[in-house]
Protein backbone atom coordinates (compact mmCIF):
# COMPACT_ATOMS: atom_id res chain seq x y z
CA MET A 1 -132.04 -58.45 -168.04
CA ALA A 2 -131.90 -56.25 -164.93
CA THR A 3 -129.26 -57.01 -162.29
CA GLU A 4 -131.86 -57.99 -159.67
CA GLU A 5 -133.55 -60.40 -162.07
CA LYS A 6 -130.21 -61.87 -163.14
CA GLU A 7 -129.31 -62.41 -159.47
CA THR A 8 -132.60 -64.22 -158.81
CA VAL A 9 -132.22 -66.46 -161.86
CA ARG A 10 -128.67 -67.45 -160.99
CA ARG A 11 -129.51 -68.11 -157.35
CA ALA A 12 -132.28 -70.45 -158.44
CA ALA A 13 -129.99 -72.24 -160.90
CA CYS A 14 -127.25 -72.67 -158.30
CA GLY A 15 -129.52 -73.69 -155.42
CA VAL A 16 -128.72 -70.57 -153.38
CA PRO A 17 -131.38 -68.99 -151.11
CA GLU A 18 -132.23 -65.33 -151.48
CA ALA A 19 -130.16 -63.03 -149.28
CA GLY A 20 -131.75 -62.64 -145.87
CA ALA A 21 -133.90 -65.75 -146.23
CA THR A 22 -134.76 -67.45 -142.95
CA ASP A 23 -136.54 -70.57 -144.18
CA ALA A 24 -133.56 -72.86 -143.63
CA PRO A 25 -130.69 -73.21 -141.16
CA GLY A 26 -127.46 -71.55 -142.21
CA ASN A 27 -128.88 -68.34 -143.63
CA THR A 28 -127.77 -65.97 -140.90
CA PRO A 29 -124.68 -63.83 -141.49
CA HIS A 30 -121.38 -65.65 -141.03
CA THR A 31 -120.08 -62.96 -138.69
CA THR A 32 -122.51 -64.01 -135.94
CA ARG A 33 -120.73 -67.42 -135.73
CA SER A 34 -124.10 -69.02 -135.11
CA THR A 35 -123.32 -70.80 -138.36
CA LEU A 36 -120.30 -71.42 -140.54
CA LEU A 37 -122.54 -71.37 -143.61
CA HIS A 38 -122.02 -68.12 -145.48
CA GLU A 39 -124.97 -66.09 -146.71
CA PHE A 40 -124.35 -64.66 -150.18
CA ARG A 41 -125.16 -60.99 -150.50
CA THR A 42 -124.69 -61.47 -154.25
CA ILE A 43 -123.57 -64.31 -156.50
CA LEU A 44 -122.73 -61.96 -159.37
CA GLN A 45 -119.36 -60.92 -157.93
CA PRO A 46 -116.39 -62.88 -156.54
CA LEU A 47 -116.28 -63.68 -152.83
CA THR A 48 -114.68 -61.27 -150.41
CA LEU A 49 -112.60 -63.66 -148.36
CA THR A 50 -112.42 -61.32 -145.37
CA ASP A 51 -116.17 -61.88 -145.00
CA HIS A 52 -115.43 -65.55 -144.38
CA PHE A 53 -112.36 -65.56 -142.17
CA PRO A 54 -111.30 -63.27 -139.31
CA THR A 55 -107.60 -63.90 -139.99
CA PRO A 56 -105.93 -63.71 -143.42
CA GLN A 57 -104.15 -67.05 -143.95
CA PRO A 58 -103.35 -69.43 -146.82
CA LEU A 59 -106.62 -70.67 -148.34
CA GLU A 60 -107.56 -74.25 -149.17
CA VAL A 61 -110.86 -75.21 -150.81
CA GLU A 62 -112.70 -78.53 -150.75
CA LEU A 63 -115.12 -78.97 -153.64
CA GLY A 64 -117.99 -81.23 -152.62
CA CYS A 65 -117.23 -81.27 -148.89
CA GLY A 66 -120.21 -83.53 -148.21
CA ASP A 67 -120.60 -84.42 -144.54
CA GLY A 68 -117.38 -82.60 -143.66
CA SER A 69 -115.44 -85.61 -142.39
CA PHE A 70 -112.29 -84.40 -144.18
CA ILE A 71 -112.53 -80.63 -144.02
CA VAL A 72 -113.38 -80.36 -140.32
CA GLU A 73 -110.47 -82.58 -139.26
CA TRP A 74 -108.07 -80.86 -141.70
CA ALA A 75 -109.08 -77.45 -140.32
CA GLN A 76 -108.50 -78.69 -136.77
CA ARG A 77 -105.05 -79.98 -137.68
CA ASN A 78 -104.09 -76.81 -139.56
CA PRO A 79 -105.13 -73.71 -137.59
CA GLY A 80 -102.74 -71.62 -139.71
CA ARG A 81 -104.78 -72.25 -142.86
CA ASN A 82 -108.27 -71.15 -143.84
CA LEU A 83 -110.55 -73.89 -145.18
CA LEU A 84 -113.51 -73.19 -147.45
CA GLY A 85 -115.96 -76.02 -148.09
CA VAL A 86 -118.31 -76.03 -151.08
CA GLU A 87 -121.42 -78.21 -151.26
CA ARG A 88 -124.75 -77.76 -153.01
CA LEU A 89 -126.90 -80.08 -150.89
CA LEU A 90 -128.25 -78.51 -147.71
CA GLY A 91 -128.70 -81.85 -145.96
CA ARG A 92 -124.99 -82.57 -146.36
CA ILE A 93 -123.54 -79.17 -145.58
CA ARG A 94 -125.44 -78.96 -142.28
CA LYS A 95 -123.11 -81.69 -140.93
CA PRO A 96 -119.78 -79.84 -141.29
CA ASP A 97 -121.51 -76.70 -140.05
CA LYS A 98 -122.52 -78.50 -136.87
CA ARG A 99 -119.17 -80.26 -136.47
CA GLY A 100 -117.15 -77.13 -137.11
CA ARG A 101 -119.15 -75.01 -134.66
CA ARG A 102 -118.89 -77.72 -132.02
CA ALA A 103 -115.09 -77.69 -132.49
CA GLY A 104 -115.01 -73.88 -132.26
CA LEU A 105 -113.29 -73.50 -135.62
CA THR A 106 -112.70 -69.96 -136.85
CA ASN A 107 -110.66 -71.07 -139.87
CA LEU A 108 -113.56 -72.93 -141.51
CA SER A 109 -116.25 -71.43 -143.73
CA LEU A 110 -118.90 -73.14 -145.84
CA VAL A 111 -120.80 -72.13 -148.96
CA ARG A 112 -123.83 -73.85 -150.43
CA ILE A 113 -123.73 -73.50 -154.21
CA GLU A 114 -123.20 -75.40 -157.46
CA ILE A 115 -119.48 -76.21 -157.74
CA SER A 116 -118.81 -75.30 -161.37
CA TYR A 117 -120.40 -71.88 -160.95
CA PHE A 118 -118.42 -71.32 -157.78
CA LEU A 119 -115.15 -72.08 -159.58
CA GLU A 120 -115.94 -70.02 -162.65
CA GLN A 121 -117.55 -66.97 -161.05
CA LEU A 122 -117.08 -66.72 -157.29
CA LEU A 123 -113.67 -68.00 -156.18
CA PRO A 124 -111.26 -65.08 -156.60
CA ALA A 125 -108.47 -65.59 -159.12
CA ALA A 126 -105.06 -66.59 -157.76
CA SER A 127 -106.47 -66.84 -154.24
CA THR A 128 -106.04 -70.50 -153.39
CA ASP A 129 -103.11 -72.59 -152.19
CA ALA A 130 -104.80 -75.98 -152.53
CA ILE A 131 -107.96 -77.50 -154.02
CA HIS A 132 -109.24 -80.81 -152.62
CA VAL A 133 -111.65 -83.01 -154.60
CA TYR A 134 -112.41 -86.28 -152.86
CA PHE A 135 -114.73 -88.98 -154.16
CA PRO A 136 -116.79 -86.85 -156.55
CA ASP A 137 -119.77 -88.50 -158.22
CA PRO A 138 -118.23 -90.83 -160.86
CA TRP A 139 -121.31 -90.80 -163.12
CA PRO A 140 -120.44 -94.40 -164.12
CA LYS A 141 -122.76 -94.70 -167.12
CA VAL A 142 -121.11 -93.69 -170.40
CA LYS A 143 -123.99 -91.40 -171.36
CA HIS A 144 -123.64 -89.52 -168.05
CA ALA A 145 -119.83 -89.21 -167.98
CA ARG A 146 -120.03 -85.67 -169.38
CA HIS A 147 -121.38 -84.58 -165.97
CA ARG A 148 -118.14 -85.45 -164.17
CA LEU A 149 -116.56 -82.57 -162.29
CA ILE A 150 -112.99 -83.48 -163.27
CA ASN A 151 -113.18 -83.14 -167.03
CA GLU A 152 -111.20 -81.45 -169.80
CA ARG A 153 -112.21 -77.98 -168.54
CA PHE A 154 -111.28 -78.50 -164.92
CA PRO A 155 -107.49 -77.91 -165.10
CA ALA A 156 -108.09 -74.46 -166.63
CA LEU A 157 -110.53 -73.59 -163.85
CA ALA A 158 -108.00 -74.77 -161.28
CA ARG A 159 -105.25 -72.68 -162.91
CA ARG A 160 -107.42 -69.60 -162.57
CA ALA A 161 -108.10 -70.20 -158.87
CA LEU A 162 -104.66 -71.31 -157.70
CA LYS A 163 -101.73 -69.20 -156.64
CA PRO A 164 -98.41 -70.05 -158.35
CA GLY A 165 -97.24 -73.33 -156.86
CA GLY A 166 -100.74 -74.25 -155.73
CA VAL A 167 -101.81 -77.89 -155.70
CA VAL A 168 -104.88 -79.92 -156.69
CA HIS A 169 -105.41 -83.06 -154.58
CA LEU A 170 -107.68 -85.78 -156.00
CA ARG A 171 -109.10 -89.04 -154.63
CA THR A 172 -111.58 -91.57 -155.99
CA ASP A 173 -112.43 -95.23 -155.66
CA HIS A 174 -113.57 -95.38 -159.30
CA VAL A 175 -110.84 -96.76 -161.61
CA ASP A 176 -112.19 -95.33 -164.87
CA TYR A 177 -112.76 -91.89 -163.36
CA PHE A 178 -109.24 -91.94 -161.92
CA ALA A 179 -107.85 -92.65 -165.40
CA GLN A 180 -109.77 -89.63 -166.67
CA MET A 181 -108.41 -87.45 -163.85
CA LEU A 182 -104.85 -88.45 -164.72
CA ALA A 183 -105.41 -87.88 -168.43
CA VAL A 184 -106.81 -84.36 -168.17
CA PHE A 185 -104.04 -83.16 -165.84
CA ARG A 186 -101.27 -84.84 -167.83
CA ALA A 187 -102.59 -83.03 -170.89
CA ASP A 188 -102.11 -79.64 -169.20
CA ALA A 189 -98.47 -78.50 -169.29
CA ALA A 190 -99.06 -76.11 -166.38
CA PHE A 191 -99.37 -79.02 -163.93
CA THR A 192 -96.77 -81.47 -162.65
CA GLU A 193 -97.71 -84.58 -160.68
CA VAL A 194 -96.31 -84.62 -157.16
CA GLU A 195 -96.52 -86.99 -154.22
CA THR A 196 -99.49 -86.56 -151.90
CA PRO A 197 -98.15 -85.54 -148.48
CA ALA A 198 -98.41 -88.32 -145.90
CA ASP A 199 -100.15 -86.11 -143.35
CA LEU A 200 -102.81 -85.26 -145.92
CA ALA A 201 -103.32 -88.86 -147.04
CA ALA A 202 -103.79 -89.84 -143.40
CA VAL A 203 -106.94 -87.70 -143.10
CA THR A 204 -109.66 -89.80 -144.67
CA THR A 205 -113.32 -89.20 -145.45
CA ASP A 206 -116.22 -91.28 -144.16
CA PHE A 207 -116.76 -92.57 -147.71
CA GLU A 208 -113.09 -93.52 -147.96
CA ARG A 209 -113.08 -95.49 -144.72
CA GLU A 210 -116.24 -97.29 -145.82
CA PHE A 211 -114.74 -98.22 -149.20
CA ASN A 212 -111.43 -99.27 -147.69
CA ALA A 213 -113.20 -101.50 -145.16
CA LYS A 214 -114.72 -103.34 -148.12
CA GLY A 215 -111.30 -103.82 -149.71
CA ILE A 216 -111.75 -101.03 -152.26
CA PRO A 217 -108.51 -99.01 -152.47
CA THR A 218 -108.20 -95.24 -152.69
CA ASN A 219 -106.78 -93.88 -155.94
CA ARG A 220 -105.09 -90.54 -155.24
CA SER A 221 -102.97 -88.05 -157.11
CA SER A 222 -101.73 -84.50 -156.54
CA TRP A 223 -100.86 -81.89 -159.17
CA ARG A 224 -98.78 -78.76 -158.59
CA MET A 225 -99.25 -75.74 -160.83
CA THR A 226 -95.73 -75.02 -162.05
CA GLY A 227 -96.64 -72.98 -165.13
CA ALA A 228 -99.11 -70.29 -166.17
């Protein structure tokens, strides 16, 4: 298959518009700052992080950033870190784009793409200081559980992306999913469970506040990569 055809097929599979498309908001080049949503020139090669951020700084990634309630506030509180939000749904990712631009954030960038493909193919190896995954779809039915993001393969993908000493931060309201999260990370000798920093736990998502208001607690854990 020719490179151009392969690019088109993968863009379609990952929900990514063609380069230069103008049919939806967020498809203008990131450098114009008219949007924080990055336009992919290609999805066949890893990201060039200097295309996303004007200043080289420690990188943190939120997988499934949704409406941006966490990542925008975390970027505001941490101007010395670069924050990259990943979300496939255009309707959701428009919200952190709008919020981030309104706040004048230069340390926030957004990409619209399927998360697993992003982790496997686009996030540069050993580039990331922290990965945040908050309230991913629990796929509660047994027959659908195989679709969960945090599965047996996820720790290996996180190892590839993280710098030595990097951390994965997890949150969910779903008890069974939380048990699965703990199990897959405990099974990987490269990770050691650590306490979630208080300043990080204090920054909540809209979903989290909604669940907590109903008396549903947040299950959280953090895992530092201490091995290869």
